Amino acid sequence: MGFFRKFADIGKFLGKQAQAKAKKPLQQYRAIERAQKVIEEHKTNPKRAPMNLPKRKFTEEEIESSKKYLQASLEVDNQFISKLSQVKVTSDDSDIAQFTSDQHSHERPKELTEKLPIKGKLPFQSDEPTEIPRGLVQTQTLVDILHNHKLDPNDWTAEVLSERFNLRTSDVAGLLKYSSLIDPQEKGKL
């Protein structure tokens, strides 16, 4: 009996799932149709969005003081305007001579339009960090190690280089053994 009961429950569940799948396209069509009706109605009779009105009511004193402040800020100070009209501006700027008459007034010189570098990065600065942890070296230091060893392997041994650049002797010995710089003359042979 329990088996048939479970079998009936599975049938009901599958029936509900099939019903939902069958109704889904129809529901989507109805939703699209309703949305189109709302849009058409809004085109013919547009409604304004609800205003966000403050819940706080202003007192008469606050309203009057704000009106007075607004009127005072909009008043024209005739005395200041009359003094300003008497000002004469003369310029002895020598930089103005570099602008020729054929340049349009809306164009700015290249010096003024160049963008500043990002995060203080200047063209002559490298991407490498200023402080290197012990056991690591900058690329330029690595090139110096290889170059010095190539010039004079007897003076620039792994021990001397490891002491000078604060590296392990085994690391420097491995670097010298398995790395080398490319000569410009040998570059074409590669």
N, C-alpha and C. Protein backbone atom coordinates (compact mmCIF):
# COMPACT_ATOMS: atom_id res chain seq x y z
N MET A 1 0.82 -1.19 0.00
CA MET A 1 0.00 0.00 0.00
C MET A 1 0.86 1.25 0.00
N GLY A 2 1.96 1.21 0.73
CA GLY A 2 2.85 2.36 0.81
C GLY A 2 3.49 2.68 -0.53
N PHE A 3 3.72 1.60 -1.30
CA PHE A 3 4.33 1.80 -2.60
C PHE A 3 3.41 2.57 -3.53
N PHE A 4 2.13 2.20 -3.54
CA PHE A 4 1.17 2.88 -4.41
C PHE A 4 0.95 4.33 -3.98
N ARG A 5 1.06 4.54 -2.69
CA ARG A 5 0.90 5.91 -2.16
C ARG A 5 2.05 6.80 -2.66
N LYS A 6 3.27 6.28 -2.55
CA LYS A 6 4.42 7.03 -3.04
C LYS A 6 4.35 7.24 -4.54
N PHE A 7 3.89 6.22 -5.23
CA PHE A 7 3.74 6.32 -6.68
C PHE A 7 2.73 7.40 -7.05
N ALA A 8 1.63 7.50 -6.31
CA ALA A 8 0.61 8.52 -6.54
C ALA A 8 1.16 9.91 -6.24
N ASP A 9 1.96 10.04 -5.16
CA ASP A 9 2.57 11.34 -4.83
C ASP A 9 3.53 11.79 -5.92
N ILE A 10 4.30 10.85 -6.45
CA ILE A 10 5.23 11.20 -7.54
C ILE A 10 4.44 11.64 -8.76
N GLY A 11 3.33 10.99 -9.04
CA GLY A 11 2.49 11.37 -10.18
C GLY A 11 1.92 12.77 -10.02
N LYS A 12 1.46 13.09 -8.81
CA LYS A 12 0.93 14.44 -8.55
C LYS A 12 2.02 15.49 -8.74
N PHE A 13 3.22 15.19 -8.21
CA PHE A 13 4.33 16.13 -8.32
C PHE A 13 4.69 16.37 -9.79
N LEU A 14 4.81 15.28 -10.56
CA LEU A 14 5.14 15.42 -11.98
C LEU A 14 4.04 16.16 -12.73
N GLY A 15 2.80 15.94 -12.36
CA GLY A 15 1.70 16.66 -12.99
C GLY A 15 1.77 18.15 -12.74
N LYS A 16 2.09 18.52 -11.50
CA LYS A 16 2.22 19.96 -11.17
C LYS A 16 3.37 20.59 -11.94
N GLN A 17 4.50 19.84 -12.06
CA GLN A 17 5.65 20.35 -12.80
C GLN A 17 5.30 20.55 -14.28
N ALA A 18 4.61 19.58 -14.86
CA ALA A 18 4.21 19.68 -16.28
C ALA A 18 3.25 20.84 -16.48
N GLN A 19 2.32 21.01 -15.52
CA GLN A 19 1.37 22.12 -15.61
C GLN A 19 2.10 23.46 -15.56
N ALA A 20 3.06 23.60 -14.66
CA ALA A 20 3.82 24.85 -14.52
C ALA A 20 4.60 25.16 -15.79
N LYS A 21 5.20 24.10 -16.38
CA LYS A 21 5.96 24.32 -17.62
C LYS A 21 5.04 24.70 -18.76
N ALA A 22 3.85 24.14 -18.79
CA ALA A 22 2.91 24.46 -19.86
C ALA A 22 2.37 25.88 -19.72
N LYS A 23 2.18 26.35 -18.49
CA LYS A 23 1.62 27.68 -18.27
C LYS A 23 2.65 28.79 -18.41
N LYS A 24 3.93 28.45 -18.27
CA LYS A 24 4.98 29.47 -18.24
C LYS A 24 5.00 30.35 -19.49
N PRO A 25 4.99 29.81 -20.70
CA PRO A 25 4.99 30.70 -21.88
C PRO A 25 3.77 31.61 -21.93
N LEU A 26 2.62 31.08 -21.51
CA LEU A 26 1.40 31.88 -21.50
C LEU A 26 1.52 33.02 -20.49
N GLN A 27 2.09 32.74 -19.30
CA GLN A 27 2.28 33.78 -18.30
C GLN A 27 3.26 34.85 -18.78
N GLN A 28 4.31 34.42 -19.46
CA GLN A 28 5.26 35.39 -19.99
C GLN A 28 4.60 36.27 -21.04
N TYR A 29 3.76 35.67 -21.89
CA TYR A 29 3.06 36.44 -22.91
C TYR A 29 2.14 37.47 -22.25
N ARG A 30 1.43 37.04 -21.21
CA ARG A 30 0.53 37.97 -20.51
C ARG A 30 1.31 39.10 -19.86
N ALA A 31 2.48 38.78 -19.28
CA ALA A 31 3.29 39.82 -18.64
C ALA A 31 3.77 40.82 -19.67
N ILE A 32 4.22 40.34 -20.82
CA ILE A 32 4.69 41.25 -21.88
C ILE A 32 3.53 42.09 -22.40
N GLU A 33 2.37 41.46 -22.56
CA GLU A 33 1.19 42.18 -23.04
C GLU A 33 0.77 43.28 -22.05
N ARG A 34 0.79 42.94 -20.75
CA ARG A 34 0.44 43.95 -19.73
C ARG A 34 1.46 45.09 -19.72
N ALA A 35 2.73 44.77 -19.87
CA ALA A 35 3.76 45.81 -19.88
C ALA A 35 3.57 46.73 -21.08
N GLN A 36 3.24 46.15 -22.24
CA GLN A 36 3.02 46.98 -23.42
C GLN A 36 1.80 47.89 -23.24
N LYS A 37 0.75 47.40 -22.57
CA LYS A 37 -0.42 48.24 -22.31
C LYS A 37 -0.06 49.41 -21.40
N VAL A 38 0.74 49.13 -20.38
CA VAL A 38 1.14 50.21 -19.47
C VAL A 38 1.99 51.24 -20.20
N ILE A 39 2.89 50.77 -21.06
CA ILE A 39 3.74 51.70 -21.81
C ILE A 39 2.90 52.55 -22.75
N GLU A 40 1.96 51.95 -23.47
CA GLU A 40 1.09 52.71 -24.38
C GLU A 40 0.24 53.71 -23.61
N GLU A 41 -0.26 53.31 -22.46
CA GLU A 41 -1.07 54.22 -21.65
C GLU A 41 -0.22 55.39 -21.16
N HIS A 42 1.03 55.10 -20.81
CA HIS A 42 1.92 56.15 -20.34
C HIS A 42 2.27 57.12 -21.46
N LYS A 43 2.34 56.61 -22.71
CA LYS A 43 2.62 57.49 -23.85
C LYS A 43 1.46 58.46 -24.09
N THR A 44 0.24 57.98 -23.96
CA THR A 44 -0.91 58.84 -24.21
C THR A 44 -1.26 59.71 -23.02
N ASN A 45 -1.12 59.17 -21.81
CA ASN A 45 -1.47 59.91 -20.60
C ASN A 45 -0.35 59.73 -19.57
N PRO A 46 0.74 60.49 -19.74
CA PRO A 46 1.88 60.28 -18.84
C PRO A 46 1.56 60.68 -17.40
N LYS A 47 2.11 59.92 -16.46
CA LYS A 47 1.93 60.20 -15.05
C LYS A 47 3.27 60.61 -14.47
N ARG A 48 3.22 61.60 -13.61
CA ARG A 48 4.43 62.06 -12.96
C ARG A 48 4.80 61.10 -11.83
N ALA A 49 6.10 60.92 -11.64
CA ALA A 49 6.57 60.07 -10.54
C ALA A 49 6.21 60.74 -9.22
N PRO A 50 5.98 59.96 -8.20
CA PRO A 50 5.62 60.57 -6.91
C PRO A 50 6.76 61.42 -6.37
N MET A 51 6.42 62.56 -5.83
CA MET A 51 7.43 63.48 -5.31
C MET A 51 7.90 63.00 -3.94
N ASN A 52 9.14 63.26 -3.68
CA ASN A 52 9.72 62.90 -2.39
C ASN A 52 9.62 64.13 -1.49
N LEU A 53 8.51 64.27 -0.86
CA LEU A 53 8.28 65.43 -0.01
C LEU A 53 8.83 65.18 1.39
N PRO A 54 9.42 66.19 1.99
CA PRO A 54 9.95 65.98 3.34
C PRO A 54 8.80 65.85 4.33
N LYS A 55 9.05 65.07 5.38
CA LYS A 55 8.04 64.88 6.41
C LYS A 55 8.05 66.03 7.40
N ARG A 56 9.13 66.78 7.43
CA ARG A 56 9.28 67.87 8.39
C ARG A 56 8.61 69.13 7.84
N LYS A 57 7.84 69.77 8.65
CA LYS A 57 7.20 71.03 8.26
C LYS A 57 8.03 72.19 8.80
N PHE A 58 8.28 73.17 7.94
CA PHE A 58 9.06 74.34 8.35
C PHE A 58 8.15 75.36 9.02
N THR A 59 8.70 76.05 10.01
CA THR A 59 7.94 77.09 10.69
C THR A 59 7.95 78.35 9.85
N GLU A 60 7.05 79.26 10.18
CA GLU A 60 6.97 80.52 9.45
C GLU A 60 8.27 81.33 9.59
N GLU A 61 8.89 81.28 10.77
CA GLU A 61 10.15 82.00 10.99
C GLU A 61 11.25 81.48 10.08
N GLU A 62 11.34 80.16 9.94
CA GLU A 62 12.37 79.57 9.07
C GLU A 62 12.13 79.95 7.62
N ILE A 63 10.88 79.94 7.20
CA ILE A 63 10.57 80.30 5.82
C ILE A 63 10.91 81.76 5.56
N GLU A 64 10.56 82.65 6.49
CA GLU A 64 10.86 84.07 6.34
C GLU A 64 12.37 84.33 6.32
N SER A 65 13.10 83.66 7.20
CA SER A 65 14.56 83.88 7.24
C SER A 65 15.22 83.38 5.96
N SER A 66 14.74 82.28 5.40
CA SER A 66 15.33 81.79 4.15
C SER A 66 14.99 82.73 2.99
N LYS A 67 13.79 83.32 3.01
CA LYS A 67 13.44 84.29 1.97
C LYS A 67 14.31 85.54 2.07
N LYS A 68 14.54 86.01 3.28
CA LYS A 68 15.40 87.18 3.48
C LYS A 68 16.82 86.90 3.01
N TYR A 69 17.34 85.73 3.34
CA TYR A 69 18.69 85.36 2.92
C TYR A 69 18.78 85.29 1.40
N LEU A 70 17.76 84.74 0.76
CA LEU A 70 17.75 84.63 -0.69
C LEU A 70 17.71 86.02 -1.34
N GLN A 71 16.89 86.90 -0.81
CA GLN A 71 16.81 88.26 -1.35
C GLN A 71 18.13 89.00 -1.16
N ALA A 72 18.77 88.81 0.00
CA ALA A 72 20.04 89.48 0.26
C ALA A 72 21.13 88.96 -0.67
N SER A 73 21.11 87.68 -0.98
CA SER A 73 22.14 87.13 -1.86
C SER A 73 21.92 87.51 -3.31
N LEU A 74 20.67 87.79 -3.69
CA LEU A 74 20.38 88.16 -5.07
C LEU A 74 20.48 89.65 -5.34
N GLU A 75 20.59 90.45 -4.28
CA GLU A 75 20.70 91.90 -4.46
C GLU A 75 22.01 92.25 -5.15
N VAL A 76 21.95 93.24 -6.02
CA VAL A 76 23.13 93.70 -6.73
C VAL A 76 23.76 94.82 -5.91
N ASP A 77 25.03 94.67 -5.62
CA ASP A 77 25.76 95.69 -4.87
C ASP A 77 26.27 96.73 -5.87
N ASN A 78 25.52 97.83 -6.01
CA ASN A 78 25.86 98.86 -7.00
C ASN A 78 27.20 99.51 -6.70
N GLN A 79 27.53 99.70 -5.43
CA GLN A 79 28.80 100.31 -5.07
C GLN A 79 29.97 99.44 -5.54
N PHE A 80 29.86 98.13 -5.33
CA PHE A 80 30.92 97.22 -5.75
C PHE A 80 31.04 97.19 -7.27
N ILE A 81 29.89 97.20 -7.96
CA ILE A 81 29.91 97.17 -9.43
C ILE A 81 30.53 98.44 -9.98
N SER A 82 30.24 99.58 -9.37
CA SER A 82 30.82 100.83 -9.86
C SER A 82 32.34 100.84 -9.65
N LYS A 83 32.80 100.32 -8.51
CA LYS A 83 34.25 100.23 -8.29
C LYS A 83 34.90 99.24 -9.25
N LEU A 84 34.21 98.17 -9.54
CA LEU A 84 34.74 97.16 -10.45
C LEU A 84 34.83 97.69 -11.88
N SER A 85 33.91 98.54 -12.27
CA SER A 85 33.95 99.10 -13.62
C SER A 85 35.12 100.07 -13.80
N GLN A 86 35.69 100.58 -12.71
CA GLN A 86 36.83 101.50 -12.80
C GLN A 86 38.17 100.77 -12.86
N VAL A 87 38.16 99.47 -12.69
CA VAL A 87 39.41 98.70 -12.70
C VAL A 87 39.86 98.51 -14.14
N LYS A 88 41.16 98.75 -14.37
CA LYS A 88 41.75 98.55 -15.68
C LYS A 88 42.83 97.50 -15.55
N VAL A 89 42.76 96.46 -16.38
CA VAL A 89 43.70 95.36 -16.30
C VAL A 89 44.71 95.50 -17.42
N THR A 90 45.98 95.48 -17.05
CA THR A 90 47.05 95.48 -18.05
C THR A 90 47.93 94.29 -17.76
N SER A 91 48.46 93.68 -18.81
CA SER A 91 49.27 92.49 -18.64
C SER A 91 50.61 92.69 -19.32
N ASP A 92 51.67 92.42 -18.58
CA ASP A 92 53.02 92.46 -19.14
C ASP A 92 53.59 91.05 -19.19
N ASP A 93 52.74 90.09 -19.39
CA ASP A 93 53.16 88.70 -19.39
C ASP A 93 53.96 88.40 -20.65
N SER A 94 55.17 87.91 -20.45
CA SER A 94 56.03 87.61 -21.60
C SER A 94 55.63 86.31 -22.28
N ASP A 95 54.93 85.43 -21.55
CA ASP A 95 54.53 84.15 -22.14
C ASP A 95 53.44 84.32 -23.19
N ILE A 96 52.74 85.43 -23.18
CA ILE A 96 51.66 85.63 -24.14
C ILE A 96 52.20 85.81 -25.56
N ALA A 97 53.46 86.17 -25.69
CA ALA A 97 54.04 86.38 -27.01
C ALA A 97 54.18 85.08 -27.78
N GLN A 98 54.26 83.97 -27.09
CA GLN A 98 54.42 82.69 -27.79
C GLN A 98 53.15 82.27 -28.51
N PHE A 99 52.00 82.82 -28.12
CA PHE A 99 50.77 82.48 -28.80
C PHE A 99 50.62 83.37 -30.02
N THR A 100 50.51 82.74 -31.16
CA THR A 100 50.39 83.50 -32.40
C THR A 100 48.92 83.74 -32.70
N SER A 101 48.67 84.65 -33.61
CA SER A 101 47.29 85.01 -33.93
C SER A 101 46.59 83.91 -34.72
N ASP A 102 47.36 83.00 -35.37
CA ASP A 102 46.71 81.96 -36.15
C ASP A 102 46.16 80.84 -35.27
N GLN A 103 46.56 80.80 -33.99
CA GLN A 103 45.97 79.81 -33.09
C GLN A 103 44.57 80.27 -32.69
N HIS A 104 43.69 79.31 -32.64
CA HIS A 104 42.33 79.65 -32.23
C HIS A 104 42.29 79.81 -30.72
N SER A 105 41.32 80.56 -30.25
CA SER A 105 41.23 80.83 -28.82
C SER A 105 40.83 79.59 -28.03
N HIS A 106 40.14 78.62 -28.69
CA HIS A 106 39.71 77.44 -27.96
C HIS A 106 40.81 76.37 -27.87
N GLU A 107 41.90 76.52 -28.60
CA GLU A 107 42.99 75.56 -28.52
C GLU A 107 43.96 75.97 -27.43
N ARG A 108 44.39 75.00 -26.67
CA ARG A 108 45.37 75.27 -25.61
C ARG A 108 46.71 74.74 -26.06
N PRO A 109 47.78 75.37 -25.61
CA PRO A 109 49.09 74.86 -25.99
C PRO A 109 49.32 73.47 -25.43
N LYS A 110 50.22 72.72 -26.05
CA LYS A 110 50.47 71.34 -25.69
C LYS A 110 50.94 71.20 -24.24
N GLU A 111 51.72 72.18 -23.77
CA GLU A 111 52.24 72.11 -22.41
C GLU A 111 51.11 72.11 -21.38
N LEU A 112 50.02 72.80 -21.70
CA LEU A 112 48.91 72.90 -20.76
C LEU A 112 47.95 71.72 -20.87
N THR A 113 47.94 71.02 -22.01
CA THR A 113 46.99 69.94 -22.19
C THR A 113 47.56 68.57 -21.86
N GLU A 114 48.87 68.45 -21.68
CA GLU A 114 49.44 67.14 -21.33
C GLU A 114 48.95 66.73 -19.95
N LYS A 115 48.60 65.47 -19.83
CA LYS A 115 48.09 64.97 -18.57
C LYS A 115 49.24 64.69 -17.61
N LEU A 116 48.96 64.84 -16.34
CA LEU A 116 49.95 64.53 -15.33
C LEU A 116 50.13 63.02 -15.21
N PRO A 117 51.29 62.56 -14.81
CA PRO A 117 51.49 61.12 -14.68
C PRO A 117 50.63 60.53 -13.57
N ILE A 118 50.27 59.28 -13.73
CA ILE A 118 49.43 58.61 -12.76
C ILE A 118 50.26 58.23 -11.55
N LYS A 119 49.74 58.53 -10.36
CA LYS A 119 50.35 58.19 -9.08
C LYS A 119 51.80 58.65 -9.00
N GLY A 120 52.10 59.81 -9.51
CA GLY A 120 53.44 60.37 -9.39
C GLY A 120 54.47 59.64 -10.21
N LYS A 121 54.06 58.85 -11.19
CA LYS A 121 54.99 58.10 -12.02
C LYS A 121 55.54 59.03 -13.08
N LEU A 122 56.81 59.27 -13.01
CA LEU A 122 57.47 60.12 -13.99
C LEU A 122 58.16 59.25 -15.04
N PRO A 123 58.44 59.80 -16.22
CA PRO A 123 59.02 58.98 -17.29
C PRO A 123 60.37 58.36 -16.93
N PHE A 124 61.15 59.04 -16.10
CA PHE A 124 62.48 58.52 -15.78
C PHE A 124 62.47 57.54 -14.61
N GLN A 125 61.32 57.33 -13.98
CA GLN A 125 61.25 56.38 -12.88
C GLN A 125 60.95 54.99 -13.42
N SER A 126 61.50 53.98 -12.78
CA SER A 126 61.24 52.61 -13.21
C SER A 126 60.07 52.04 -12.41
N ASP A 127 59.60 50.88 -12.86
CA ASP A 127 58.50 50.21 -12.17
C ASP A 127 58.97 49.43 -10.95
N GLU A 128 60.26 49.35 -10.76
CA GLU A 128 60.79 48.53 -9.68
C GLU A 128 60.64 49.24 -8.34
N PRO A 129 60.45 48.48 -7.29
CA PRO A 129 60.28 49.08 -5.97
C PRO A 129 61.56 49.72 -5.46
N THR A 130 61.41 50.66 -4.53
CA THR A 130 62.58 51.35 -4.01
C THR A 130 63.32 50.51 -2.97
N GLU A 131 62.59 49.73 -2.18
CA GLU A 131 63.21 48.87 -1.18
C GLU A 131 63.07 47.42 -1.61
N ILE A 132 64.20 46.73 -1.72
CA ILE A 132 64.21 45.33 -2.12
C ILE A 132 64.53 44.48 -0.90
N PRO A 133 63.76 43.44 -0.63
CA PRO A 133 64.07 42.58 0.51
C PRO A 133 65.39 41.83 0.31
N ARG A 134 65.94 41.37 1.41
CA ARG A 134 67.20 40.65 1.35
C ARG A 134 67.00 39.36 0.54
N GLY A 135 67.98 39.07 -0.33
CA GLY A 135 67.91 37.89 -1.16
C GLY A 135 67.34 38.15 -2.53
N LEU A 136 66.84 39.35 -2.77
CA LEU A 136 66.30 39.72 -4.08
C LEU A 136 67.10 40.90 -4.62
N VAL A 137 67.12 41.06 -5.94
CA VAL A 137 67.83 42.19 -6.55
C VAL A 137 66.97 42.79 -7.64
N GLN A 138 67.28 44.05 -7.95
CA GLN A 138 66.61 44.72 -9.06
C GLN A 138 67.20 44.21 -10.37
N THR A 139 66.49 44.44 -11.46
CA THR A 139 66.95 43.99 -12.77
C THR A 139 68.29 44.63 -13.13
N GLN A 140 68.43 45.92 -12.85
CA GLN A 140 69.68 46.61 -13.17
C GLN A 140 70.84 46.03 -12.37
N THR A 141 70.60 45.68 -11.11
CA THR A 141 71.65 45.07 -10.28
C THR A 141 72.02 43.70 -10.84
N LEU A 142 71.05 42.95 -11.30
CA LEU A 142 71.30 41.65 -11.91
C LEU A 142 72.18 41.79 -13.15
N VAL A 143 71.88 42.78 -13.97
CA VAL A 143 72.69 43.04 -15.17
C VAL A 143 74.10 43.45 -14.75
N ASP A 144 74.24 44.27 -13.71
CA ASP A 144 75.56 44.67 -13.23
C ASP A 144 76.37 43.47 -12.76
N ILE A 145 75.74 42.55 -12.04
CA ILE A 145 76.43 41.35 -11.56
C ILE A 145 76.98 40.55 -12.73
N LEU A 146 76.11 40.30 -13.72
CA LEU A 146 76.53 39.51 -14.88
C LEU A 146 77.61 40.23 -15.69
N HIS A 147 77.47 41.54 -15.84
CA HIS A 147 78.44 42.31 -16.62
C HIS A 147 79.81 42.33 -15.93
N ASN A 148 79.83 42.60 -14.63
CA ASN A 148 81.09 42.65 -13.89
C ASN A 148 81.80 41.29 -13.93
N HIS A 149 81.03 40.21 -13.77
CA HIS A 149 81.64 38.88 -13.81
C HIS A 149 82.20 38.57 -15.19
N LYS A 150 81.50 39.04 -16.24
CA LYS A 150 81.97 38.80 -17.61
C LYS A 150 83.25 39.58 -17.89
N LEU A 151 83.36 40.80 -17.34
CA LEU A 151 84.56 41.61 -17.56
C LEU A 151 85.78 41.01 -16.88
N ASP A 152 85.62 40.62 -15.63
CA ASP A 152 86.76 40.10 -14.87
C ASP A 152 86.29 39.02 -13.91
N PRO A 153 86.25 37.75 -14.38
CA PRO A 153 85.75 36.67 -13.54
C PRO A 153 86.63 36.40 -12.31
N ASN A 154 87.91 36.74 -12.37
CA ASN A 154 88.80 36.49 -11.24
C ASN A 154 88.53 37.45 -10.08
N ASP A 155 88.27 38.72 -10.38
CA ASP A 155 87.98 39.71 -9.33
C ASP A 155 86.54 39.63 -8.85
N TRP A 156 85.61 39.41 -9.76
CA TRP A 156 84.19 39.38 -9.43
C TRP A 156 83.72 37.93 -9.31
N THR A 157 84.12 37.28 -8.27
CA THR A 157 83.70 35.91 -8.01
C THR A 157 82.33 35.90 -7.34
N ALA A 158 81.77 34.71 -7.21
CA ALA A 158 80.46 34.57 -6.58
C ALA A 158 80.49 35.05 -5.14
N GLU A 159 81.59 34.79 -4.42
CA GLU A 159 81.69 35.19 -3.02
C GLU A 159 81.70 36.72 -2.89
N VAL A 160 82.50 37.39 -3.74
CA VAL A 160 82.61 38.85 -3.69
C VAL A 160 81.26 39.49 -4.04
N LEU A 161 80.63 38.98 -5.09
CA LEU A 161 79.35 39.53 -5.51
C LEU A 161 78.26 39.29 -4.46
N SER A 162 78.27 38.12 -3.82
CA SER A 162 77.25 37.85 -2.80
C SER A 162 77.41 38.76 -1.59
N GLU A 163 78.64 39.06 -1.21
CA GLU A 163 78.87 39.98 -0.09
C GLU A 163 78.44 41.41 -0.46
N ARG A 164 78.81 41.81 -1.67
CA ARG A 164 78.53 43.19 -2.09
C ARG A 164 77.03 43.46 -2.22
N PHE A 165 76.26 42.50 -2.78
CA PHE A 165 74.84 42.73 -3.04
C PHE A 165 73.93 42.03 -2.04
N ASN A 166 74.51 41.51 -0.95
CA ASN A 166 73.76 40.93 0.16
C ASN A 166 72.89 39.76 -0.32
N LEU A 167 73.53 38.81 -1.03
CA LEU A 167 72.86 37.63 -1.56
C LEU A 167 73.57 36.37 -1.06
N ARG A 168 72.89 35.22 -1.21
CA ARG A 168 73.53 33.96 -0.87
C ARG A 168 74.54 33.59 -1.94
N THR A 169 75.65 33.01 -1.52
CA THR A 169 76.72 32.64 -2.45
C THR A 169 76.24 31.59 -3.43
N SER A 170 75.42 30.64 -2.97
CA SER A 170 74.93 29.59 -3.86
C SER A 170 74.02 30.17 -4.96
N ASP A 171 73.21 31.18 -4.60
CA ASP A 171 72.35 31.82 -5.61
C ASP A 171 73.17 32.55 -6.66
N VAL A 172 74.18 33.27 -6.22
CA VAL A 172 75.02 34.02 -7.16
C VAL A 172 75.80 33.05 -8.03
N ALA A 173 76.31 31.96 -7.45
CA ALA A 173 77.06 30.97 -8.24
C ALA A 173 76.16 30.34 -9.30
N GLY A 174 74.93 30.00 -8.94
CA GLY A 174 73.99 29.45 -9.91
C GLY A 174 73.64 30.45 -11.00
N LEU A 175 73.48 31.70 -10.63
CA LEU A 175 73.19 32.75 -11.61
C LEU A 175 74.34 32.89 -12.60
N LEU A 176 75.57 32.91 -12.10
CA LEU A 176 76.73 33.06 -12.98
C LEU A 176 76.93 31.83 -13.85
N LYS A 177 76.57 30.68 -13.33
CA LYS A 177 76.78 29.44 -14.08
C LYS A 177 75.76 29.29 -15.20
N TYR A 178 74.47 29.61 -14.92
CA TYR A 178 73.40 29.32 -15.87
C TYR A 178 72.87 30.54 -16.62
N SER A 179 73.42 31.75 -16.37
CA SER A 179 72.93 32.96 -17.03
C SER A 179 74.09 33.70 -17.67
N SER A 180 73.78 34.46 -18.71
CA SER A 180 74.78 35.33 -19.33
C SER A 180 74.07 36.42 -20.10
N LEU A 181 74.80 37.49 -20.37
CA LEU A 181 74.25 38.60 -21.13
C LEU A 181 74.46 38.35 -22.62
N ILE A 182 73.58 38.88 -23.43
CA ILE A 182 73.69 38.71 -24.88
C ILE A 182 74.48 39.89 -25.43
N ASP A 183 75.54 39.61 -26.20
CA ASP A 183 76.32 40.66 -26.85
C ASP A 183 75.55 41.18 -28.06
N PRO A 184 75.69 42.47 -28.37
CA PRO A 184 75.00 42.99 -29.56
C PRO A 184 75.48 42.30 -30.84
N GLN A 185 76.75 41.88 -30.90
CA GLN A 185 77.24 41.21 -32.09
C GLN A 185 76.63 39.81 -32.24
N GLU A 186 76.37 39.14 -31.12
CA GLU A 186 75.81 37.80 -31.13
C GLU A 186 74.30 37.79 -31.30
N LYS A 187 73.68 38.95 -31.20
CA LYS A 187 72.23 39.04 -31.25
C LYS A 187 71.67 38.53 -32.58
N GLY A 188 72.35 38.83 -33.66
CA GLY A 188 71.89 38.39 -34.98
C GLY A 188 72.03 36.90 -35.18
N LYS A 189 72.89 36.22 -34.43
CA LYS A 189 73.10 34.78 -34.57
C LYS A 189 72.02 33.96 -33.91
N LEU A 190 71.24 34.56 -33.01
CA LEU A 190 70.22 33.80 -32.28
C LEU A 190 69.07 33.42 -33.16
